[in-house]
Amino acid sequence: MKSAKAAVALEPEKPRLDPRYCAFKLSIKPSKIHRWGLFAEEKIPVRRKIIEYTGERISRRETKRRADARPLHYIFTLDSYWCLDGAVGGSGAEYINHSCEPNVWTLVTKGHILYMAMRDIKAGEELFVDYHFGADVEIVPCKCGAKKCRGTINDKPA
């Protein structure tokens, strides 16, 4: 039997938002793209911070161990040594799904990961970011449905 702590580490039963890291009213709802998504509940102006990605700070070695141990990953690379695991202490930003035509971009600054609005975002819109997985790692099919979908979450080789 799995412990309650182990179950939480895989994925929370009910996704939650930590309002301390949200700059606007947001909600987590079922997504057409993948499981859960993060949605704007009010208009978000262009170039504004939406939410900070938070989670447990882990080394690259621990990142690999966790990625190999569980099917769903909420791990964001912070720099050449550290990653943040949004499954442990996440703000809710870990539920922003990938799209090849995103409305959000990522700003990594001074040890923080911030999601910023690329354009004005309407209330009710799901937030999307381009994950830009490397072309040199396992290819992950894309399900975003965008007109200019490249077919994978990975960047195309240069």
Protein backbone atom coordinates (compact mmCIF):
# COMPACT_ATOMS: atom_id res chain seq x y z
CA MET A 1 0.00 0.00 0.00
CA LYS A 2 1.30 3.46 -0.93
CA SER A 3 1.65 6.08 1.75
CA ALA A 4 -0.35 9.30 1.52
CA LYS A 5 2.93 11.23 1.15
CA ALA A 6 3.96 9.11 -1.87
CA ALA A 7 0.57 9.64 -3.51
CA VAL A 8 0.84 13.42 -3.09
CA ALA A 9 4.31 13.42 -4.67
CA LEU A 10 2.89 11.84 -7.84
CA GLU A 11 0.09 14.34 -8.31
CA PRO A 12 -2.35 16.05 -5.98
CA GLU A 13 -5.85 14.53 -5.99
CA LYS A 14 -7.32 17.97 -6.60
CA PRO A 15 -5.12 20.59 -8.28
CA ARG A 16 -4.73 23.79 -6.30
CA LEU A 17 -3.55 27.34 -6.79
CA ASP A 18 -1.41 29.19 -4.28
CA PRO A 19 -2.72 32.78 -4.44
CA ARG A 20 0.55 34.15 -2.99
CA TYR A 21 2.12 33.61 -6.44
CA CYS A 22 -0.79 34.74 -8.65
CA ALA A 23 -0.92 38.29 -9.95
CA PHE A 24 -4.43 37.81 -11.41
CA LYS A 25 -7.54 35.74 -10.73
CA LEU A 26 -6.81 32.27 -12.13
CA SER A 27 -8.42 28.84 -11.92
CA ILE A 28 -7.51 25.24 -12.66
CA LYS A 29 -10.02 23.37 -14.83
CA PRO A 30 -10.04 20.39 -17.18
CA SER A 31 -8.12 21.19 -20.38
CA LYS A 32 -8.91 20.18 -23.96
CA ILE A 33 -5.18 19.57 -24.48
CA HIS A 34 -4.06 17.59 -21.43
CA ARG A 35 -5.66 16.77 -18.08
CA TRP A 36 -5.75 20.08 -16.20
CA GLY A 37 -5.07 23.60 -17.44
CA LEU A 38 -4.64 27.04 -15.92
CA PHE A 39 -7.26 29.60 -16.96
CA ALA A 40 -7.54 33.39 -16.71
CA GLU A 41 -10.60 34.46 -14.71
CA GLU A 42 -10.08 38.12 -15.58
CA LYS A 43 -8.45 40.07 -18.41
CA ILE A 44 -4.65 39.99 -18.27
CA PRO A 45 -2.83 42.82 -20.09
CA VAL A 46 0.16 42.16 -22.35
CA ARG A 47 3.65 42.08 -20.70
CA ARG A 48 2.25 41.56 -17.19
CA LYS A 49 3.39 38.88 -14.76
CA ILE A 50 0.68 36.23 -14.37
CA ILE A 51 2.10 33.69 -11.93
CA GLU A 52 5.40 32.44 -10.54
CA TYR A 53 6.35 28.78 -11.02
CA THR A 54 7.25 27.34 -7.63
CA GLY A 55 8.22 23.95 -6.31
CA GLU A 56 10.87 22.02 -4.50
CA ARG A 57 14.39 22.96 -5.64
CA ILE A 58 16.15 19.78 -6.75
CA SER A 59 19.46 18.87 -8.41
CA ARG A 60 19.73 17.47 -11.94
CA ARG A 61 20.51 14.03 -10.46
CA GLU A 62 17.29 14.14 -8.40
CA THR A 63 15.43 15.45 -11.45
CA LYS A 64 16.45 12.37 -13.44
CA ARG A 65 15.50 10.05 -10.58
CA ARG A 66 12.03 11.59 -10.25
CA ALA A 67 11.45 11.70 -14.00
CA ASP A 68 12.27 7.98 -14.23
CA ALA A 69 10.09 7.13 -11.20
CA ARG A 70 6.77 8.70 -12.18
CA PRO A 71 4.71 9.08 -15.34
CA LEU A 72 3.69 12.76 -14.93
CA HIS A 73 6.36 15.43 -14.59
CA TYR A 74 6.04 18.96 -13.33
CA ILE A 75 9.75 19.70 -13.37
CA PHE A 76 11.05 23.00 -14.74
CA THR A 77 14.76 23.64 -15.37
CA LEU A 78 15.92 26.72 -13.49
CA ASP A 79 19.61 26.71 -14.47
CA SER A 80 22.45 24.32 -15.27
CA TYR A 81 22.23 22.69 -11.82
CA TRP A 82 18.80 23.33 -10.30
CA CYS A 83 15.25 22.45 -11.28
CA LEU A 84 11.93 23.14 -9.59
CA ASP A 85 9.51 20.24 -9.03
CA GLY A 86 6.04 21.77 -9.18
CA ALA A 87 4.50 18.52 -7.90
CA VAL A 88 5.98 19.41 -4.50
CA GLY A 89 5.00 22.91 -3.35
CA GLY A 90 3.80 24.10 -6.74
CA SER A 91 1.93 27.38 -7.17
CA GLY A 92 -0.48 26.01 -9.80
CA ALA A 93 1.70 27.26 -12.67
CA GLU A 94 2.68 23.63 -13.28
CA TYR A 95 -0.73 23.19 -14.94
CA ILE A 96 0.06 25.58 -17.81
CA ASN A 97 -0.01 23.36 -20.88
CA HIS A 98 2.15 23.50 -24.01
CA SER A 99 1.00 25.07 -27.26
CA CYS A 100 2.92 25.82 -30.43
CA GLU A 101 0.98 29.14 -30.46
CA PRO A 102 1.31 30.27 -26.83
CA ASN A 103 -0.18 33.31 -25.10
CA VAL A 104 2.39 33.22 -22.27
CA TRP A 105 6.20 33.35 -22.20
CA THR A 106 8.68 32.44 -19.48
CA LEU A 107 11.07 34.81 -17.76
CA VAL A 108 13.78 33.21 -15.61
CA THR A 109 15.37 35.86 -13.41
CA LYS A 110 17.28 35.86 -10.12
CA GLY A 111 16.29 32.28 -9.28
CA HIS A 112 12.59 32.81 -10.09
CA ILE A 113 10.49 31.49 -12.98
CA LEU A 114 7.79 33.95 -14.03
CA TYR A 115 5.06 33.49 -16.60
CA MET A 116 4.32 36.68 -18.54
CA ALA A 117 1.49 37.59 -20.93
CA MET A 118 2.58 37.68 -24.60
CA ARG A 119 -0.61 39.51 -25.56
CA ASP A 120 -3.82 40.62 -23.90
CA ILE A 121 -5.53 37.51 -22.52
CA LYS A 122 -9.31 37.39 -22.17
CA ALA A 123 -11.15 36.09 -19.15
CA GLY A 124 -11.89 32.39 -19.68
CA GLU A 125 -8.85 31.69 -21.88
CA GLU A 126 -6.56 28.81 -21.06
CA LEU A 127 -2.93 29.84 -20.57
CA PHE A 128 -0.36 28.19 -22.84
CA VAL A 129 3.43 28.32 -23.07
CA ASP A 130 5.78 26.77 -25.63
CA TYR A 131 7.76 24.21 -23.63
CA HIS A 132 10.66 24.26 -26.12
CA PHE A 133 11.83 20.75 -25.25
CA GLY A 134 15.23 20.16 -26.86
CA ALA A 135 15.44 18.49 -30.26
CA ASP A 136 18.09 16.19 -28.77
CA VAL A 137 15.81 14.57 -26.13
CA GLU A 138 12.97 12.08 -26.42
CA ILE A 139 10.39 13.33 -28.94
CA VAL A 140 7.03 14.16 -27.33
CA PRO A 141 4.01 14.40 -29.67
CA CYS A 142 2.08 17.67 -29.48
CA LYS A 143 -1.71 17.75 -29.04
CA CYS A 144 -2.20 21.53 -29.03
CA GLY A 145 -4.27 21.69 -32.21
CA ALA A 146 -2.82 25.10 -33.19
CA LYS A 147 -2.86 26.05 -36.88
CA LYS A 148 0.95 26.20 -36.85
CA CYS A 149 1.49 23.13 -34.67
CA ARG A 150 4.95 21.65 -35.32
CA GLY A 151 3.77 18.16 -34.32
CA THR A 152 6.00 17.82 -31.26
CA ILE A 153 6.60 19.67 -28.02
CA ASN A 154 10.28 19.54 -28.99
CA ASP A 155 11.92 22.31 -30.98
CA LYS A 156 12.81 21.38 -34.55
CA PRO A 157 16.52 20.62 -35.10
CA ALA A 158 18.51 23.62 -36.34
